[in-house]
Structure formats: structure tokens, C-alpha cells
């Protein structure tokens, strides 16, 4: 298993809010992929997708911008476990010049090989749905259920992308909630703005092989649900 990370520098064509940026980037990526029949067909399947993406940051400081303003340059990252997609994405993104919000002007690709992960941090809200309750939140905060759903989600992804995997324990050794107020992923559908409730976490995974495989997969395809809408983009700390 390896992860391909594409850093994209974008020229902003018009002002928009940071909260709008999730669906704006999501639509930009999906529209770009639709230019290739293979990826369009895969996108339309009811399956986990092989990529995740970050929100915009200031390219030099690597911090979220205070405002997203016309005429500025900002960066975002796309990670994927699909090698073919990783090498086609730069061309597809840079050809998508008619988007009203931004254009990708440069890209740089690097490969991330498996390493021992000591911590995972979510940079964008992680979304987990709960039957009859909407999304997991502090209000219904069953931490054990949250850990179970995060683990099950990664197991299902791993088994779709690779092969069956048997785990004897939850991959999470320690979970720390990092937000005190609700976090949202926003999208627009039929001219309506929809908010998906999420949270930001610090996760310490277990040391065993299966837990480390699941933690590494989260770096590539995201943690939790709604990853192609910007949910659950994570960074990892550890030892190479």
C-alpha cells in the first residue's frame, strides 16, 4: 500500500467563504474526473472512493486563510491510493479552466510509503452518521459507539480496496475530541445549503499490524464518511 499526495496551487477567481470551499473543491475535482470515462463510471458507483482532499491553506504558511479573496493564490491537497488516478489528476485538474471560483495553476506529486503512525489529526471535520439521530455529536456523545463506527468504516474501505482483514481490537487506542463547538461540512444541492455535522479528533492508533494498516489507509482515503465532500482529511505523525 502506498499513498500519492498531490499539492495543488490555485488561483482564486472570485471571493467565497471558507465554509463554501468544501463543496467548491469537491465539485471541481468531480467535474475534472468526469472528463475520463473510467473515473466517471467509478464515481457513479455506490462505493467508497479512493481519494480525500484538504481545505484551502495559505501556500507558504500552511494555515487556513482568514478570507478567500479574488486574485490570491491558495493551496489544497488531494491524496489517493490509486496510482493511475494520481498521475492523471494533474492534467485533468489543470485543464479544468472554466470553473468560476478558481483554477489550478501548478501541481506537485509525492509518494508516501507506509510508516509507523503514532498519531492522526483530522484537519477537516470527520462525519459519522448514527441511525435515527443524524450525525454523531457531543450531544449524543457515545464515545465507544464513535470509535466502533470509525473502525468499521476503515475496515470496510480496506476490504473494498484490498482484501479481507481480521482485527482483534479497535484500531483506536486513544481518541481525543479537539473541537468544543460544532464543526460542519457544507454543500449545496438544488440551490439549498446543507450542513453535515462533524468533529475534529486526535487519534493514537494501536501498534499492531492491522491497526497500523487501517491508520495508514485513513491518511489516503480519509477518516469517517463524506470524504469526497471534504470530510475526515487527516495528517499523521510517526516514524519512517
C-alpha atoms as a PDB file:
ATOM      1  CA  UNK A   1       0.000   0.000   0.000  1.00  0.00           C
ATOM      2  CA  UNK A   2       1.202   3.499  -0.802  1.00  0.00           C
ATOM      3  CA  UNK A   3      -0.384   6.922  -0.895  1.00  0.00           C
ATOM      4  CA  UNK A   4       0.025   9.586  -3.553  1.00  0.00           C
ATOM      5  CA  UNK A   5      -0.285  13.204  -2.427  1.00  0.00           C
ATOM      6  CA  UNK A   6      -0.923  15.955  -4.943  1.00  0.00           C
ATOM      7  CA  UNK A   7      -0.347  19.514  -3.762  1.00  0.00           C
ATOM      8  CA  UNK A   8      -2.348  21.961  -5.872  1.00  0.00           C
ATOM      9  CA  UNK A   9      -1.788  25.701  -6.114  1.00  0.00           C
ATOM     10  CA  UNK A  10      -4.996  27.503  -7.066  1.00  0.00           C
ATOM     11  CA  UNK A  11      -5.672  30.976  -8.418  1.00  0.00           C
ATOM     12  CA  UNK A  12      -8.852  32.346  -6.819  1.00  0.00           C
ATOM     13  CA  UNK A  13     -11.176  33.954  -9.386  1.00  0.00           C
ATOM     14  CA  UNK A  14     -13.857  35.319  -7.035  1.00  0.00           C
ATOM     15  CA  UNK A  15     -14.498  35.748  -3.327  1.00  0.00           C
ATOM     16  CA  UNK A  16     -16.162  32.920  -1.418  1.00  0.00           C
ATOM     17  CA  UNK A  17     -16.326  31.842   2.210  1.00  0.00           C
ATOM     18  CA  UNK A  18     -14.142  29.182   3.805  1.00  0.00           C
ATOM     19  CA  UNK A  19     -17.249  27.127   4.606  1.00  0.00           C
ATOM     20  CA  UNK A  20     -18.259  27.153   0.931  1.00  0.00           C
ATOM     21  CA  UNK A  21     -14.830  25.888  -0.057  1.00  0.00           C
ATOM     22  CA  UNK A  22     -15.637  22.235   0.718  1.00  0.00           C
ATOM     23  CA  UNK A  23     -18.328  21.824  -1.926  1.00  0.00           C
ATOM     24  CA  UNK A  24     -16.481  24.130  -4.324  1.00  0.00           C
ATOM     25  CA  UNK A  25     -13.339  21.958  -4.245  1.00  0.00           C
ATOM     26  CA  UNK A  26     -15.435  18.763  -4.261  1.00  0.00           C
ATOM     27  CA  UNK A  27     -17.276  19.863  -7.406  1.00  0.00           C
ATOM     28  CA  UNK A  28     -14.030  20.931  -9.047  1.00  0.00           C
ATOM     29  CA  UNK A  29     -12.475  17.503  -8.507  1.00  0.00           C
ATOM     30  CA  UNK A  30     -15.531  15.513  -9.555  1.00  0.00           C
ATOM     31  CA  UNK A  31     -16.011  17.634 -12.691  1.00  0.00           C
ATOM     32  CA  UNK A  32     -12.342  17.128 -13.591  1.00  0.00           C
ATOM     33  CA  UNK A  33     -12.607  13.349 -13.108  1.00  0.00           C
ATOM     34  CA  UNK A  34     -15.741  13.243 -15.255  1.00  0.00           C
ATOM     35  CA  UNK A  35     -13.567  14.053 -18.271  1.00  0.00           C
ATOM     36  CA  UNK A  36     -12.222  10.495 -18.108  1.00  0.00           C
ATOM     37  CA  UNK A  37     -14.851   7.807 -18.777  1.00  0.00           C
ATOM     38  CA  UNK A  38     -13.232   5.317 -16.412  1.00  0.00           C
ATOM     39  CA  UNK A  39     -13.293   7.703 -13.456  1.00  0.00           C
ATOM     40  CA  UNK A  40     -16.789   8.941 -14.297  1.00  0.00           C
ATOM     41  CA  UNK A  41     -18.105   5.379 -14.180  1.00  0.00           C
ATOM     42  CA  UNK A  42     -16.311   4.718 -10.899  1.00  0.00           C
ATOM     43  CA  UNK A  43     -17.604   7.972  -9.411  1.00  0.00           C
ATOM     44  CA  UNK A  44     -21.193   6.994 -10.214  1.00  0.00           C
ATOM     45  CA  UNK A  45     -20.907   3.658  -8.387  1.00  0.00           C
ATOM     46  CA  UNK A  46     -22.157   3.394  -4.816  1.00  0.00           C
ATOM     47  CA  UNK A  47     -18.719   2.535  -3.472  1.00  0.00           C
ATOM     48  CA  UNK A  48     -16.033   4.120  -1.324  1.00  0.00           C
ATOM     49  CA  UNK A  49     -13.870   6.459  -3.354  1.00  0.00           C
ATOM     50  CA  UNK A  50     -10.081   6.191  -3.493  1.00  0.00           C
ATOM     51  CA  UNK A  51      -9.272   9.794  -2.572  1.00  0.00           C
ATOM     52  CA  UNK A  52      -9.718  12.544   0.002  1.00  0.00           C
ATOM     53  CA  UNK A  53      -8.852  16.237  -0.037  1.00  0.00           C
ATOM     54  CA  UNK A  54      -7.959  19.047   2.334  1.00  0.00           C
ATOM     55  CA  UNK A  55      -9.372  22.530   2.691  1.00  0.00           C
ATOM     56  CA  UNK A  56      -7.561  25.607   1.353  1.00  0.00           C
ATOM     57  CA  UNK A  57      -4.454  26.865   3.152  1.00  0.00           C
ATOM     58  CA  UNK A  58      -2.002  29.697   2.601  1.00  0.00           C
ATOM     59  CA  UNK A  59       0.683  28.074   0.477  1.00  0.00           C
ATOM     60  CA  UNK A  60       3.712  29.326   2.396  1.00  0.00           C
ATOM     61  CA  UNK A  61       2.344  29.304   5.951  1.00  0.00           C
ATOM     62  CA  UNK A  62       0.225  26.158   5.536  1.00  0.00           C
ATOM     63  CA  UNK A  63      -2.541  27.771   7.612  1.00  0.00           C
ATOM     64  CA  UNK A  64      -6.228  28.322   6.785  1.00  0.00           C
ATOM     65  CA  UNK A  65      -6.731  31.752   5.215  1.00  0.00           C
ATOM     66  CA  UNK A  66      -8.720  34.398   7.069  1.00  0.00           C
ATOM     67  CA  UNK A  67     -10.519  35.126   3.808  1.00  0.00           C
ATOM     68  CA  UNK A  68     -10.655  33.570   0.358  1.00  0.00           C
ATOM     69  CA  UNK A  69     -10.262  36.556  -1.909  1.00  0.00           C
ATOM     70  CA  UNK A  70     -10.199  37.071  -5.656  1.00  0.00           C
ATOM     71  CA  UNK A  71      -6.690  37.330  -7.097  1.00  0.00           C
ATOM     72  CA  UNK A  72      -4.917  35.324  -4.386  1.00  0.00           C
ATOM     73  CA  UNK A  73      -3.063  32.009  -4.565  1.00  0.00           C
ATOM     74  CA  UNK A  74      -4.054  29.258  -2.138  1.00  0.00           C
ATOM     75  CA  UNK A  75      -3.170  25.570  -1.873  1.00  0.00           C
ATOM     76  CA  UNK A  76      -5.020  22.356  -1.161  1.00  0.00           C
ATOM     77  CA  UNK A  77      -4.045  18.681  -1.208  1.00  0.00           C
ATOM     78  CA  UNK A  78      -5.567  15.577  -2.727  1.00  0.00           C
ATOM     79  CA  UNK A  79      -4.498  12.142  -1.543  1.00  0.00           C
ATOM     80  CA  UNK A  80      -5.290   8.869  -3.276  1.00  0.00           C
ATOM     81  CA  UNK A  81      -4.297   5.209  -3.134  1.00  0.00           C
ATOM     82  CA  UNK A  82      -4.940   4.882  -6.886  1.00  0.00           C
ATOM     83  CA  UNK A  83      -1.660   5.265  -8.799  1.00  0.00           C
ATOM     84  CA  UNK A  84      -3.330   5.750 -12.182  1.00  0.00           C
ATOM     85  CA  UNK A  85      -5.582   8.463 -10.783  1.00  0.00           C
ATOM     86  CA  UNK A  86      -2.620  10.172  -9.112  1.00  0.00           C
ATOM     87  CA  UNK A  87      -0.712  10.533 -12.379  1.00  0.00           C
ATOM     88  CA  UNK A  88      -3.732  11.630 -14.428  1.00  0.00           C
ATOM     89  CA  UNK A  89      -5.058  14.148 -11.914  1.00  0.00           C
ATOM     90  CA  UNK A  90      -2.553  16.944 -12.624  1.00  0.00           C
ATOM     91  CA  UNK A  91      -3.588  17.112 -16.277  1.00  0.00           C
ATOM     92  CA  UNK A  92      -7.294  16.797 -15.522  1.00  0.00           C
ATOM     93  CA  UNK A  93      -7.236  19.500 -12.859  1.00  0.00           C
ATOM     94  CA  UNK A  94      -5.178  21.977 -14.860  1.00  0.00           C
ATOM     95  CA  UNK A  95      -7.457  21.534 -17.884  1.00  0.00           C
ATOM     96  CA  UNK A  96     -10.497  22.499 -15.803  1.00  0.00           C
ATOM     97  CA  UNK A  97     -10.168  26.225 -16.536  1.00  0.00           C
ATOM     98  CA  UNK A  98     -13.829  27.187 -16.827  1.00  0.00           C
ATOM     99  CA  UNK A  99     -14.625  26.885 -13.129  1.00  0.00           C
ATOM    100  CA  UNK A 100     -15.981  30.207 -11.881  1.00  0.00           C
ATOM    101  CA  UNK A 101     -14.270  30.023  -8.482  1.00  0.00           C
ATOM    102  CA  UNK A 102     -10.665  29.005  -9.105  1.00  0.00           C
ATOM    103  CA  UNK A 103      -8.163  27.393 -11.466  1.00  0.00           C
ATOM    104  CA  UNK A 104      -5.313  25.045 -10.600  1.00  0.00           C
ATOM    105  CA  UNK A 105      -2.103  26.630 -11.889  1.00  0.00           C
ATOM    106  CA  UNK A 106       0.551  24.183 -10.640  1.00  0.00           C
ATOM    107  CA  UNK A 107       0.698  20.749  -9.032  1.00  0.00           C
ATOM    108  CA  UNK A 108       3.390  18.665  -7.363  1.00  0.00           C
ATOM    109  CA  UNK A 109       3.126  14.954  -6.641  1.00  0.00           C
ATOM    110  CA  UNK A 110       4.845  12.921  -3.950  1.00  0.00           C
ATOM    111  CA  UNK A 111       4.571   9.341  -2.708  1.00  0.00           C
ATOM    112  CA  UNK A 112       4.002   8.452   0.929  1.00  0.00           C
ATOM    113  CA  UNK A 113       5.195   4.981   1.885  1.00  0.00           C
ATOM    114  CA  UNK A 114       3.906   3.104   4.951  1.00  0.00           C
ATOM    115  CA  UNK A 115       5.399   4.257   8.241  1.00  0.00           C
ATOM    116  CA  UNK A 116       4.712   3.633  11.912  1.00  0.00           C
ATOM    117  CA  UNK A 117       1.940   6.060  12.888  1.00  0.00           C
ATOM    118  CA  UNK A 118       1.873   7.387  16.437  1.00  0.00           C
ATOM    119  CA  UNK A 119      -0.893   9.964  15.969  1.00  0.00           C
ATOM    120  CA  UNK A 120      -3.558  11.013  13.500  1.00  0.00           C
ATOM    121  CA  UNK A 121      -5.048  14.513  13.438  1.00  0.00           C
ATOM    122  CA  UNK A 122      -8.135  15.441  11.441  1.00  0.00           C
ATOM    123  CA  UNK A 123      -7.774  18.737   9.584  1.00  0.00           C
ATOM    124  CA  UNK A 124     -11.357  18.773   8.328  1.00  0.00           C
ATOM    125  CA  UNK A 125     -14.488  17.704  10.241  1.00  0.00           C
ATOM    126  CA  UNK A 126     -14.985  13.947  10.454  1.00  0.00           C
ATOM    127  CA  UNK A 127     -18.567  12.879   9.761  1.00  0.00           C
ATOM    128  CA  UNK A 128     -20.139   9.750  11.266  1.00  0.00           C
ATOM    129  CA  UNK A 129     -23.842   9.028  10.802  1.00  0.00           C
ATOM    130  CA  UNK A 130     -25.895   7.490  13.616  1.00  0.00           C
ATOM    131  CA  UNK A 131     -29.185   5.719  12.928  1.00  0.00           C
ATOM    132  CA  UNK A 132     -32.230   7.795  13.926  1.00  0.00           C
ATOM    133  CA  UNK A 133     -30.005  10.579  15.297  1.00  0.00           C
ATOM    134  CA  UNK A 134     -28.403  12.164  12.235  1.00  0.00           C
ATOM    135  CA  UNK A 135     -24.677  12.590  12.865  1.00  0.00           C
ATOM    136  CA  UNK A 136     -22.522  11.859  15.903  1.00  0.00           C
ATOM    137  CA  UNK A 137     -22.101  14.931  18.096  1.00  0.00           C
ATOM    138  CA  UNK A 138     -21.235  15.942  21.625  1.00  0.00           C
ATOM    139  CA  UNK A 139     -24.952  15.936  22.385  1.00  0.00           C
ATOM    140  CA  UNK A 140     -25.345  12.225  21.739  1.00  0.00           C
ATOM    141  CA  UNK A 141     -21.664  11.651  22.564  1.00  0.00           C
ATOM    142  CA  UNK A 142     -21.299   7.900  22.914  1.00  0.00           C
ATOM    143  CA  UNK A 143     -17.502   7.663  22.507  1.00  0.00           C
ATOM    144  CA  UNK A 144     -17.488   3.859  22.358  1.00  0.00           C
ATOM    145  CA  UNK A 145     -20.018   3.934  19.505  1.00  0.00           C
ATOM    146  CA  UNK A 146     -17.969   6.611  17.731  1.00  0.00           C
ATOM    147  CA  UNK A 147     -14.788   4.532  17.932  1.00  0.00           C
ATOM    148  CA  UNK A 148     -16.676   1.470  16.704  1.00  0.00           C
ATOM    149  CA  UNK A 149     -18.053   3.331  13.673  1.00  0.00           C
ATOM    150  CA  UNK A 150     -14.688   4.859  12.779  1.00  0.00           C
ATOM    151  CA  UNK A 151     -13.080   1.420  12.953  1.00  0.00           C
ATOM    152  CA  UNK A 152     -15.823  -0.334  10.975  1.00  0.00           C
ATOM    153  CA  UNK A 153     -15.694   2.325   8.287  1.00  0.00           C
ATOM    154  CA  UNK A 154     -11.956   1.807   7.736  1.00  0.00           C
ATOM    155  CA  UNK A 155     -12.295  -1.984   7.753  1.00  0.00           C
ATOM    156  CA  UNK A 156     -14.950  -1.779   5.017  1.00  0.00           C
ATOM    157  CA  UNK A 157     -12.760   0.537   2.962  1.00  0.00           C
ATOM    158  CA  UNK A 158      -9.730  -1.730   3.335  1.00  0.00           C
ATOM    159  CA  UNK A 159     -11.706  -4.802   2.298  1.00  0.00           C
ATOM    160  CA  UNK A 160     -13.147  -2.997  -0.750  1.00  0.00           C
ATOM    161  CA  UNK A 161      -9.759  -1.727  -1.925  1.00  0.00           C
ATOM    162  CA  UNK A 162      -7.521  -4.652  -0.950  1.00  0.00           C
ATOM    163  CA  UNK A 163      -8.662  -7.868   0.764  1.00  0.00           C
ATOM    164  CA  UNK A 164     -10.391  -9.196   3.860  1.00  0.00           C
ATOM    165  CA  UNK A 165      -8.769  -8.123   7.095  1.00  0.00           C
ATOM    166  CA  UNK A 166      -9.283  -9.565  10.561  1.00  0.00           C
ATOM    167  CA  UNK A 167      -8.929  -7.280  13.556  1.00  0.00           C
ATOM    168  CA  UNK A 168      -8.984  -8.463  17.163  1.00  0.00           C
ATOM    169  CA  UNK A 169      -9.399  -4.937  18.568  1.00  0.00           C
ATOM    170  CA  UNK A 170     -10.432  -1.447  17.558  1.00  0.00           C
ATOM    171  CA  UNK A 171      -7.562   0.304  15.797  1.00  0.00           C
ATOM    172  CA  UNK A 172      -8.006   3.309  18.137  1.00  0.00           C
ATOM    173  CA  UNK A 173      -6.027   3.229  21.378  1.00  0.00           C
ATOM    174  CA  UNK A 174      -6.859   6.812  22.383  1.00  0.00           C
ATOM    175  CA  UNK A 175      -9.332   9.322  20.940  1.00  0.00           C
ATOM    176  CA  UNK A 176      -9.354  12.988  21.904  1.00  0.00           C
ATOM    177  CA  UNK A 177     -12.062  15.393  20.755  1.00  0.00           C
ATOM    178  CA  UNK A 178     -10.398  18.627  19.595  1.00  0.00           C
ATOM    179  CA  UNK A 179     -13.404  20.885  18.997  1.00  0.00           C
ATOM    180  CA  UNK A 180     -15.619  22.455  21.650  1.00  0.00           C
ATOM    181  CA  UNK A 181     -18.181  23.815  19.207  1.00  0.00           C
ATOM    182  CA  UNK A 182     -19.917  22.061  16.288  1.00  0.00           C
ATOM    183  CA  UNK A 183     -17.952  21.665  13.053  1.00  0.00           C
ATOM    184  CA  UNK A 184     -19.601  21.394   9.655  1.00  0.00           C
ATOM    185  CA  UNK A 185     -19.032  20.279   6.102  1.00  0.00           C
ATOM    186  CA  UNK A 186     -21.297  22.330   3.872  1.00  0.00           C
ATOM    187  CA  UNK A 187     -22.587  21.511   0.409  1.00  0.00           C
ATOM    188  CA  UNK A 188     -25.128  22.901  -1.993  1.00  0.00           C
ATOM    189  CA  UNK A 189     -27.873  20.811  -3.537  1.00  0.00           C
ATOM    190  CA  UNK A 190     -30.775  22.168  -5.584  1.00  0.00           C
ATOM    191  CA  UNK A 191     -29.810  25.713  -4.536  1.00  0.00           C
ATOM    192  CA  UNK A 192     -30.046  24.734  -0.863  1.00  0.00           C
ATOM    193  CA  UNK A 193     -27.136  24.784   1.584  1.00  0.00           C
ATOM    194  CA  UNK A 194     -26.837  21.572   3.593  1.00  0.00           C
ATOM    195  CA  UNK A 195     -24.689  21.230   6.707  1.00  0.00           C
ATOM    196  CA  UNK A 196     -23.169  17.895   7.687  1.00  0.00           C
ATOM    197  CA  UNK A 197     -22.164  17.815  11.341  1.00  0.00           C
ATOM    198  CA  UNK A 198     -18.645  16.587  12.065  1.00  0.00           C
ATOM    199  CA  UNK A 199     -15.865  16.748  14.635  1.00  0.00           C
ATOM    200  CA  UNK A 200     -12.089  17.004  14.776  1.00  0.00           C
ATOM    201  CA  UNK A 201     -10.032  14.367  16.557  1.00  0.00           C
ATOM    202  CA  UNK A 202      -6.603  13.378  17.735  1.00  0.00           C
ATOM    203  CA  UNK A 203      -6.238   9.610  17.483  1.00  0.00           C
ATOM    204  CA  UNK A 204      -3.489   7.371  18.811  1.00  0.00           C
ATOM    205  CA  UNK A 205      -3.694   4.043  16.949  1.00  0.00           C
ATOM    206  CA  UNK A 206      -2.647   0.710  18.392  1.00  0.00           C
ATOM    207  CA  UNK A 207       0.771  -0.670  17.468  1.00  0.00           C
ATOM    208  CA  UNK A 208      -0.306  -3.976  15.887  1.00  0.00           C
ATOM    209  CA  UNK A 209      -0.048  -4.528  12.139  1.00  0.00           C
ATOM    210  CA  UNK A 210      -3.788  -4.377  11.388  1.00  0.00           C
ATOM    211  CA  UNK A 211      -4.295  -1.145  13.344  1.00  0.00           C
ATOM    212  CA  UNK A 212      -1.338   0.454  11.573  1.00  0.00           C
ATOM    213  CA  UNK A 213      -2.681  -0.594   8.161  1.00  0.00           C
ATOM    214  CA  UNK A 214      -6.051   0.978   8.948  1.00  0.00           C
ATOM    215  CA  UNK A 215      -4.448   4.167  10.261  1.00  0.00           C
ATOM    216  CA  UNK A 216      -2.325   4.467   7.121  1.00  0.00           C
ATOM    217  CA  UNK A 217      -5.365   3.911   4.901  1.00  0.00           C
ATOM    218  CA  UNK A 218      -7.102   6.796   6.687  1.00  0.00           C
ATOM    219  CA  UNK A 219      -4.275   9.074   5.522  1.00  0.00           C
ATOM    220  CA  UNK A 220      -5.082   8.219   1.926  1.00  0.00           C
ATOM    221  CA  UNK A 221      -8.857   7.994   1.666  1.00  0.00           C
ATOM    222  CA  UNK A 222      -9.960   9.865   4.767  1.00  0.00           C
ATOM    223  CA  UNK A 223     -11.470   9.066   8.146  1.00  0.00           C
ATOM    224  CA  UNK A 224     -15.205   8.518   8.534  1.00  0.00           C
ATOM    225  CA  UNK A 225     -17.781   9.402   5.883  1.00  0.00           C
ATOM    226  CA  UNK A 226     -18.264  12.065   3.178  1.00  0.00           C
ATOM    227  CA  UNK A 227     -14.555  12.125   2.286  1.00  0.00           C
ATOM    228  CA  UNK A 228     -15.160  13.287  -1.299  1.00  0.00           C
ATOM    229  CA  UNK A 229     -17.067  16.250   0.169  1.00  0.00           C
ATOM    230  CA  UNK A 230     -14.052  17.215   2.272  1.00  0.00           C
ATOM    231  CA  UNK A 231     -14.735  15.211   5.420  1.00  0.00           C
ATOM    232  CA  UNK A 232     -12.085  13.475   7.515  1.00  0.00           C
ATOM    233  CA  UNK A 233      -8.845  14.626   5.861  1.00  0.00           C
ATOM    234  CA  UNK A 234      -6.059  13.632   8.266  1.00  0.00           C
ATOM    235  CA  UNK A 235      -2.366  14.122   8.847  1.00  0.00           C
ATOM    236  CA  UNK A 236      -0.139  11.617  10.608  1.00  0.00           C
ATOM    237  CA  UNK A 237       2.835  11.733  12.910  1.00  0.00           C
ATOM    238  CA  UNK A 238       5.190   8.862  13.398  1.00  0.00           C
ATOM    239  CA  UNK A 239       8.466   7.237  12.495  1.00  0.00           C
ATOM    240  CA  UNK A 240       9.529   6.343   8.983  1.00  0.00           C
END
